[in-house]
C-alpha cells in the first residue's frame, strides 16, 4: 500500500489495468515454453525503451533492484557517501546504503520539489561516490547545473527516473544524463508490469559488467553471444531478471505509449486549468514545470498552506469518496535517516512539503466524470 492510501469506494488514487494487448501477450508467453527472464518479450521491451532513450536498457524485477545494481556497478564501498534528496522514496538511497555508503541528505527546491542544485557543491566531499537525483512527478531536475557540478568534482550521477519516463529536459530524455539511470514499472507508474524496473546504462564502459551483475555474477550473456564456450561465476551480482510474464504485460503497455501519454497529459492539464483560480484564492501551490521541461504526467500534486489544512482537505475528499494521498516522510527524519544523523531542521523545504502535499487521482483510464467529481470536491473546500 502506498503512503497515505485508503481502501474506500469512490474515486481511487490509482486503478492499474490493461491498455492494449496484455492478455494476448501473457497467454503467448505462457504457451511459448519460456517463462524465465531475458525472453523475447523482455528483449522487445528493452529494444523499445532503448530506441526512445538512445541507451542500452536492461529490465529488472523492480526499480529498487536497478538501483542496487547501480551501486554495485559504481563499486560502492563502506565509507563512501552518496548525495540524495531528502524528499524521495527510500529506494533512491537504499541500494547504496546496502553497500555500506552513507547518505548525505540535501534539501529540495520549493518550486519543483527536486534536489536543490545550489546546495549540491557544498555537500560533495572526497568520499562522495555518486549524486542521486530523482525527478519528482516527472518534472526534471535542473540537470545542466547538476551535470556541471558533478563533472567539475569527478562524481557520477545516477538518475532515479521512476517518475520521469518519457519526460524531457531541454529536449533531452530524462534518464540519459547520468552514467546510469533507473526506471520503475510498479502498478502506480505510467507503464506497469505490476512490479518491474529497468537499468539504463549510458556509459558503454559499464555495459558488459551490468550484464554480468544481473545474471547472478556470471558471464552468461557472453556465452549466448558465443564469446566464451561456457559461462561461470566471475563477479558479484544478483538475480536481476524479471519473468517473461511480466515482460509480456509490459510490452503491451509500452506499445501503447503514445496513447497512454496523450490521455495522462489531458488529465494533468484538466487538473491544472480546473484548479487554478481555486488554488490562488486558497493559498494552494500547484505544480509549476518550467518552459524547458516536458513532463510525462506521472502524478498531480497540490501543496496546501499547512499540515492542519492538508489533513482537513484529505478528510473533506475522503467524505466524498475520493482518495487524496500524501507522500514521503523526508528521509532525514525517518528512523533510518536518524541513524545517519538526520535531524529536524536539516532540510526545511522537504519538511514543509511533506506536511502540505496531497496527490490527486491520476491514472490512464480515469474517466472524465470521475475527474470532474474530484475537481468539484476540491473546489468545495476552502482553507
Protein backbone atom coordinates (compact mmCIF):
# COMPACT_ATOMS: atom_id res chain seq x y z
CA UNK A 1 0.00 0.00 0.00
CA UNK A 2 1.37 3.41 -0.92
CA UNK A 3 1.89 6.02 1.83
CA UNK A 4 -1.41 7.54 2.89
CA UNK A 5 -3.52 5.14 0.84
CA UNK A 6 -7.08 4.19 1.65
CA UNK A 7 -9.40 1.43 0.56
CA UNK A 8 -12.65 3.39 0.41
CA UNK A 9 -15.08 3.24 -2.51
CA UNK A 10 -15.46 6.09 -4.95
CA UNK A 11 -12.61 7.51 -7.00
CA UNK A 12 -9.44 5.57 -6.16
CA UNK A 13 -5.98 7.06 -6.20
CA UNK A 14 -4.86 4.51 -8.77
CA UNK A 15 -6.52 1.87 -10.94
CA UNK A 16 -3.96 -0.14 -12.89
CA UNK A 17 -5.20 -2.10 -15.86
CA UNK A 18 -4.58 -3.18 -19.44
CA UNK A 19 -4.25 -0.60 -22.20
CA UNK A 20 -3.80 -2.92 -25.19
CA UNK A 21 -2.74 -6.49 -25.89
CA UNK A 22 -1.66 -7.52 -22.38
CA UNK A 23 -3.86 -10.62 -22.12
CA UNK A 24 -2.86 -11.79 -25.59
CA UNK A 25 0.84 -11.35 -24.89
CA UNK A 26 0.75 -13.02 -21.46
CA UNK A 27 -1.02 -16.02 -22.98
CA UNK A 28 1.54 -16.10 -25.78
CA UNK A 29 4.35 -16.11 -23.23
CA UNK A 30 2.63 -18.91 -21.28
CA UNK A 31 2.46 -21.05 -24.42
CA UNK A 32 5.99 -20.26 -25.55
CA UNK A 33 7.80 -22.53 -23.13
CA UNK A 34 9.98 -19.61 -21.94
CA UNK A 35 8.82 -18.13 -18.65
CA UNK A 36 12.15 -17.11 -17.11
CA UNK A 37 13.99 -13.87 -17.77
CA UNK A 38 15.58 -12.47 -20.91
CA UNK A 39 12.99 -13.92 -23.27
CA UNK A 40 11.53 -12.48 -26.48
CA UNK A 41 9.15 -10.09 -24.72
CA UNK A 42 11.91 -8.83 -22.42
CA UNK A 43 14.09 -8.11 -25.43
CA UNK A 44 11.16 -6.34 -27.12
CA UNK A 45 10.71 -4.09 -24.08
CA UNK A 46 14.43 -3.35 -23.89
CA UNK A 47 14.51 -2.52 -27.59
CA UNK A 48 11.55 -0.12 -27.38
CA UNK A 49 12.99 1.66 -24.36
CA UNK A 50 16.47 1.74 -25.84
CA UNK A 51 15.21 3.34 -29.04
CA UNK A 52 13.38 6.02 -27.05
CA UNK A 53 16.33 6.79 -24.77
CA UNK A 54 19.26 6.14 -27.08
CA UNK A 55 20.88 3.90 -24.46
CA UNK A 56 21.15 0.23 -23.51
CA UNK A 57 18.28 -0.74 -21.23
CA UNK A 58 18.20 -3.89 -19.09
CA UNK A 59 14.92 -4.95 -17.48
CA UNK A 60 14.97 -5.71 -13.74
CA UNK A 61 12.34 -7.00 -11.30
CA UNK A 62 11.99 -3.52 -9.77
CA UNK A 63 13.46 -0.03 -9.77
CA UNK A 64 14.94 -0.85 -6.37
CA UNK A 65 16.83 -3.77 -7.93
CA UNK A 66 18.11 -1.46 -10.66
CA UNK A 67 19.38 0.98 -8.04
CA UNK A 68 21.12 -1.86 -6.19
CA UNK A 69 22.78 -2.86 -9.46
CA UNK A 70 23.86 0.77 -9.99
CA UNK A 71 25.54 0.78 -6.58
CA UNK A 72 27.40 -2.41 -7.48
CA UNK A 73 28.44 -1.04 -10.87
CA UNK A 74 29.95 2.05 -9.26
CA UNK A 75 31.93 -0.13 -6.80
CA UNK A 76 30.25 1.47 -3.80
CA UNK A 77 32.03 0.52 -0.57
CA UNK A 78 31.84 1.17 3.17
CA UNK A 79 32.97 4.72 3.90
CA UNK A 80 31.63 6.14 0.64
CA UNK A 81 28.99 8.87 0.62
CA UNK A 82 26.11 9.43 -1.76
CA UNK A 83 24.15 12.64 -2.11
CA UNK A 84 20.40 12.12 -2.10
CA UNK A 85 17.42 14.47 -1.98
CA UNK A 86 15.60 14.10 1.32
CA UNK A 87 12.21 14.18 -0.40
CA UNK A 88 12.22 10.85 -2.22
CA UNK A 89 11.39 7.20 -1.69
CA UNK A 90 13.88 5.18 0.41
CA UNK A 91 14.85 3.06 -2.61
CA UNK A 92 16.76 6.00 -4.07
CA UNK A 93 19.36 5.60 -1.33
CA UNK A 94 18.80 2.01 -0.26
CA UNK A 95 20.95 0.19 -2.81
CA UNK A 96 23.95 2.33 -1.93
CA UNK A 97 23.35 2.03 1.81
CA UNK A 98 23.33 -1.77 1.41
CA UNK A 99 26.87 -1.46 0.03
CA UNK A 100 27.95 0.50 3.10
CA UNK A 101 27.59 4.05 1.81
CA UNK A 102 26.40 6.92 3.99
CA UNK A 103 23.58 9.02 2.54
CA UNK A 104 24.10 12.78 2.66
CA UNK A 105 20.65 14.36 2.62
CA UNK A 106 20.19 17.55 0.59
CA UNK A 107 17.13 19.77 0.64
CA UNK A 108 14.82 20.24 -2.34
CA UNK A 109 13.60 23.25 -4.27
CA UNK A 110 10.29 24.79 -3.24
CA UNK A 111 9.05 25.04 -6.83
CA UNK A 112 9.82 21.60 -8.32
CA UNK A 113 10.41 19.55 -5.12
CA UNK A 114 13.62 18.28 -6.72
CA UNK A 115 17.14 18.28 -5.34
CA UNK A 116 18.27 21.89 -4.85
CA UNK A 117 21.22 22.20 -7.20
CA UNK A 118 22.51 25.31 -5.38
CA UNK A 119 23.25 23.16 -2.31
CA UNK A 120 25.00 20.42 -4.23
CA UNK A 121 28.60 21.66 -4.33
CA UNK A 122 28.68 22.18 -0.58
CA UNK A 123 27.56 18.60 0.05
CA UNK A 124 30.30 16.93 -2.00
CA UNK A 125 33.37 15.62 -0.19
CA UNK A 126 36.32 13.48 -1.18
CA UNK A 127 34.23 10.47 -0.13
CA UNK A 128 31.31 11.21 -2.48
CA UNK A 129 30.70 8.24 -4.77
CA UNK A 130 27.57 9.45 -6.55
CA UNK A 131 24.91 12.12 -6.81
CA UNK A 132 21.47 10.52 -6.82
CA UNK A 133 18.80 12.66 -8.43
CA UNK A 134 15.07 11.92 -8.60
CA UNK A 135 12.78 13.76 -10.99
CA UNK A 136 9.75 14.23 -8.73
CA UNK A 137 6.40 13.86 -10.53
CA UNK A 138 8.40 13.51 -13.75
CA UNK A 139 9.36 17.20 -13.64
CA UNK A 140 13.05 17.40 -14.40
CA UNK A 141 15.76 18.47 -12.00
CA UNK A 142 17.99 21.34 -13.15
CA UNK A 143 20.29 18.94 -14.92
CA UNK A 144 22.60 21.49 -16.57
CA UNK A 145 23.75 22.78 -13.19
CA UNK A 146 23.92 19.30 -11.66
CA UNK A 147 25.96 17.90 -14.55
CA UNK A 148 28.34 20.87 -14.34
CA UNK A 149 28.98 20.38 -10.62
CA UNK A 150 29.36 16.61 -10.99
CA UNK A 151 31.82 16.94 -13.86
CA UNK A 152 33.91 19.54 -12.03
CA UNK A 153 34.19 17.29 -8.99
CA UNK A 154 34.52 13.98 -10.85
CA UNK A 155 31.40 12.45 -9.30
CA UNK A 156 28.98 10.08 -11.06
CA UNK A 157 25.32 10.94 -11.49
CA UNK A 158 22.65 8.27 -11.10
CA UNK A 159 19.11 9.26 -12.10
CA UNK A 160 16.27 7.65 -10.22
CA UNK A 161 13.84 8.14 -13.08
CA UNK A 162 10.98 6.19 -11.51
CA UNK A 163 8.62 9.11 -12.19
CA UNK A 164 10.08 10.50 -15.37
CA UNK A 165 9.99 8.01 -18.25
CA UNK A 166 9.33 9.94 -21.49
CA UNK A 167 9.89 13.27 -19.75
CA UNK A 168 12.48 15.68 -21.15
CA UNK A 169 14.78 18.47 -20.05
CA UNK A 170 15.78 20.93 -22.80
CA UNK A 171 14.60 18.34 -25.32
CA UNK A 172 16.76 15.54 -23.93
CA UNK A 173 15.09 12.45 -22.41
CA UNK A 174 15.22 12.08 -18.65
CA UNK A 175 17.31 9.07 -17.75
CA UNK A 176 20.10 9.98 -20.18
CA UNK A 177 22.08 12.49 -18.09
CA UNK A 178 23.70 10.16 -15.58
CA UNK A 179 26.20 7.37 -16.14
CA UNK A 180 23.30 5.20 -15.02
CA UNK A 181 19.57 5.67 -14.58
CA UNK A 182 16.71 3.54 -13.33
CA UNK A 183 13.06 3.12 -14.29
CA UNK A 184 10.01 1.79 -12.44
CA UNK A 185 7.10 -0.25 -13.74
CA UNK A 186 5.27 -0.55 -10.43
CA UNK A 187 1.49 -0.51 -10.70
CA UNK A 188 1.35 3.19 -9.79
CA UNK A 189 3.58 4.21 -12.72
CA UNK A 190 2.53 5.31 -16.20
CA UNK A 191 3.51 1.89 -17.58
CA UNK A 192 3.35 -1.20 -15.43
CA UNK A 193 4.17 -4.87 -15.13
CA UNK A 194 2.66 -4.95 -11.64
CA UNK A 195 6.20 -4.79 -10.35
CA UNK A 196 9.20 -4.15 -12.56
CA UNK A 197 12.03 -1.82 -13.39
CA UNK A 198 14.98 -1.23 -15.65
CA UNK A 199 18.60 -0.16 -15.53
CA UNK A 200 19.60 2.40 -18.16
CA UNK A 201 23.31 2.17 -18.99
CA UNK A 202 24.50 5.41 -20.60
CA UNK A 203 28.21 4.67 -20.11
CA UNK A 204 29.26 1.91 -22.56
CA UNK A 205 32.18 1.01 -20.29
CA UNK A 206 29.70 -0.25 -17.70
CA UNK A 207 27.55 -2.36 -20.02
CA UNK A 208 29.35 -5.69 -20.01
CA UNK A 209 29.65 -5.70 -16.23
CA UNK A 210 25.99 -4.68 -15.92
CA UNK A 211 25.03 -7.80 -17.86
CA UNK A 212 27.17 -9.91 -15.52
CA UNK A 213 25.76 -8.42 -12.32
CA UNK A 214 22.14 -9.04 -13.33
CA UNK A 215 22.95 -12.66 -14.27
CA UNK A 216 23.99 -13.73 -10.75
CA UNK A 217 27.58 -12.63 -11.35
CA UNK A 218 28.05 -14.94 -14.34
CA UNK A 219 29.13 -14.20 -17.90
CA UNK A 220 26.05 -15.95 -19.28
CA UNK A 221 25.32 -13.16 -21.78
CA UNK A 222 28.79 -13.54 -23.27
CA UNK A 223 28.17 -17.28 -23.60
CA UNK A 224 24.96 -16.74 -25.57
CA UNK A 225 26.80 -14.33 -27.87
CA UNK A 226 29.43 -17.01 -28.50
CA UNK A 227 32.21 -15.03 -26.83
CA UNK A 228 33.04 -17.84 -24.37
CA UNK A 229 32.49 -21.60 -24.67
CA UNK A 230 30.90 -21.86 -21.22
CA UNK A 231 29.78 -19.43 -18.57
CA UNK A 232 30.83 -19.28 -14.94
CA UNK A 233 30.85 -17.11 -11.82
CA UNK A 234 33.08 -14.10 -12.47
CA UNK A 235 31.84 -11.19 -10.33
CA UNK A 236 29.38 -10.01 -7.70
CA UNK A 237 25.75 -9.92 -8.71
CA UNK A 238 22.22 -10.99 -8.01
CA UNK A 239 19.12 -12.26 -9.79
CA UNK A 240 18.03 -9.07 -11.52
CA UNK A 241 15.84 -10.58 -14.27
CA UNK A 242 12.03 -10.23 -14.38
CA UNK A 243 9.98 -13.15 -15.69
CA UNK A 244 8.76 -13.33 -19.25
CA UNK A 245 5.18 -12.99 -17.97
CA UNK A 246 6.00 -9.58 -16.52
CA UNK A 247 7.78 -8.56 -19.71
CA UNK A 248 4.81 -9.66 -21.85
CA UNK A 249 2.41 -7.44 -19.88
CA UNK A 250 4.87 -4.55 -20.02
CA UNK A 251 5.44 -4.92 -23.76
CA UNK A 252 1.77 -4.29 -24.43
CA UNK A 253 1.84 -1.25 -22.15
CA UNK A 254 4.88 0.23 -23.90
CA UNK A 255 3.42 -0.38 -27.35
CA UNK A 256 0.51 1.86 -26.34
CA UNK A 257 2.84 4.59 -25.02
CA UNK A 258 1.70 7.36 -27.37
CA UNK A 259 -1.96 6.94 -26.44
CA UNK A 260 -1.19 6.43 -22.74
CA UNK A 261 0.82 9.64 -22.60
CA UNK A 262 -1.84 11.57 -24.51
CA UNK A 263 -4.53 10.51 -22.02
CA UNK A 264 -2.43 11.26 -18.96
CA UNK A 265 -1.39 14.69 -20.18
CA UNK A 266 -5.04 15.56 -20.84
CA UNK A 267 -5.93 14.57 -17.28
CA UNK A 268 -3.00 16.55 -15.85
CA UNK A 269 -3.94 19.62 -17.91
CA UNK A 270 -7.59 19.43 -16.78
CA UNK A 271 -6.47 19.50 -13.15
CA UNK A 272 -4.13 22.42 -13.80
CA UNK A 273 -6.78 24.52 -15.54
CA UNK A 274 -9.69 23.47 -13.35
CA UNK A 275 -7.96 24.22 -10.04
CA UNK A 276 -6.07 27.39 -10.94
CA UNK A 277 -8.41 30.03 -9.58
CA UNK A 278 -9.33 27.97 -6.51
CA UNK A 279 -5.65 27.48 -5.73
CA UNK A 280 -4.93 31.19 -5.93
CA UNK A 281 -7.87 32.00 -3.65
CA UNK A 282 -6.85 29.42 -1.04
CA UNK A 283 -3.05 29.83 -0.98
CA UNK A 284 -2.60 26.43 -2.62
CA UNK A 285 0.51 25.78 -4.71
CA UNK A 286 0.10 23.84 -7.96
CA UNK A 287 2.90 22.17 -9.94
CA UNK A 288 4.96 24.59 -11.99
CA UNK A 289 7.03 22.88 -14.70
CA UNK A 290 9.44 25.32 -16.29
CA UNK A 291 9.42 26.17 -20.01
CA UNK A 292 12.41 23.89 -20.69
CA UNK A 293 10.67 20.87 -19.20
CA UNK A 294 8.34 18.31 -20.79
CA UNK A 295 6.85 16.16 -18.05
CA UNK A 296 5.12 12.77 -18.56
CA UNK A 297 2.11 13.46 -16.31
CA UNK A 298 3.14 10.86 -13.78
CA UNK A 299 1.25 12.38 -10.86
CA UNK A 300 -0.63 15.53 -9.92
CA UNK A 301 0.02 17.10 -6.53
CA UNK A 302 -1.09 20.21 -4.67
CA UNK A 303 0.53 21.92 -1.69
CA UNK A 304 -1.87 23.16 1.00
CA UNK A 305 -0.84 26.05 3.30
CA UNK A 306 0.00 23.87 6.33
CA UNK A 307 -0.40 20.42 7.88
CA UNK A 308 -3.73 21.17 9.56
CA UNK A 309 -5.23 22.40 6.29
CA UNK A 310 -3.80 19.41 4.42
CA UNK A 311 -5.44 16.98 6.81
CA UNK A 312 -8.74 18.88 6.67
CA UNK A 313 -8.62 18.70 2.87
CA UNK A 314 -7.96 14.96 2.95
CA UNK A 315 -10.89 14.41 5.31
CA UNK A 316 -13.07 16.56 3.04
CA UNK A 317 -12.14 14.47 -0.01
CA UNK A 318 -12.49 11.14 1.81
CA UNK A 319 -16.01 12.10 2.90
CA UNK A 320 -16.83 12.41 -0.80
CA UNK A 321 -15.32 9.05 -1.68
CA UNK A 322 -12.09 10.37 -3.16
CA UNK A 323 -8.62 9.09 -2.35
CA UNK A 324 -6.31 12.08 -1.86
CA UNK A 325 -2.97 10.81 -0.59
CA UNK A 326 0.10 12.36 1.00
CA UNK A 327 3.59 11.27 0.01
CA UNK A 328 7.07 10.84 1.52
CA UNK A 329 8.28 11.34 5.04
CA UNK A 330 11.61 13.15 4.46
CA UNK A 331 14.41 10.61 4.52
CA UNK A 332 16.47 12.58 7.02
CA UNK A 333 13.59 12.40 9.54
CA UNK A 334 12.91 8.69 9.09
CA UNK A 335 14.10 6.07 11.54
CA UNK A 336 16.96 5.10 9.24
CA UNK A 337 17.69 8.73 8.45
CA UNK A 338 18.12 9.45 12.15
CA UNK A 339 20.76 6.73 12.28
CA UNK A 340 22.73 8.68 9.67
CA UNK A 341 22.49 11.92 11.64
CA UNK A 342 19.32 13.40 10.17
CA UNK A 343 17.63 15.94 12.42
CA UNK A 344 14.67 18.31 12.32
CA UNK A 345 15.65 21.50 10.51
CA UNK A 346 18.29 19.92 8.26
CA UNK A 347 16.11 20.14 5.14
CA UNK A 348 13.38 22.70 5.89
CA UNK A 349 11.79 22.73 2.43
CA UNK A 350 11.43 18.93 2.38
CA UNK A 351 9.95 19.06 5.88
CA UNK A 352 7.42 21.71 4.86
CA UNK A 353 6.48 19.95 1.61
CA UNK A 354 5.97 16.63 3.37
CA UNK A 355 3.42 18.22 5.72
CA UNK A 356 1.48 20.01 2.98
CA UNK A 357 1.43 17.78 -0.10
CA UNK A 358 -1.58 15.89 -1.44
CA UNK A 359 -1.70 13.76 -4.59
CA UNK A 360 -4.96 13.60 -6.55
CA UNK A 361 -6.15 10.56 -8.53
CA UNK A 362 -4.33 10.27 -11.85
CA UNK A 363 -4.30 7.07 -13.85
CA UNK A 364 -4.65 6.27 -17.53
CA UNK A 365 -8.32 5.26 -17.53
CA UNK A 366 -9.54 7.92 -15.11
CA UNK A 367 -12.88 8.79 -16.67
CA UNK A 368 -13.85 12.44 -17.29
CA UNK A 369 -16.83 12.11 -14.92
CA UNK A 370 -14.53 10.78 -12.20
CA UNK A 371 -12.09 13.61 -12.66
CA UNK A 372 -14.89 16.15 -12.64
CA UNK A 373 -16.01 14.68 -9.34
CA UNK A 374 -12.50 15.18 -7.93
CA UNK A 375 -12.28 18.77 -9.18
CA UNK A 376 -15.75 19.69 -7.90
CA UNK A 377 -14.94 18.25 -4.48
CA UNK A 378 -11.73 20.24 -4.32
CA UNK A 379 -13.50 23.46 -5.31
CA UNK A 380 -15.92 22.99 -2.42
CA UNK A 381 -13.04 23.14 0.06
CA UNK A 382 -11.92 26.48 1.46
CA UNK A 383 -8.77 26.86 3.55
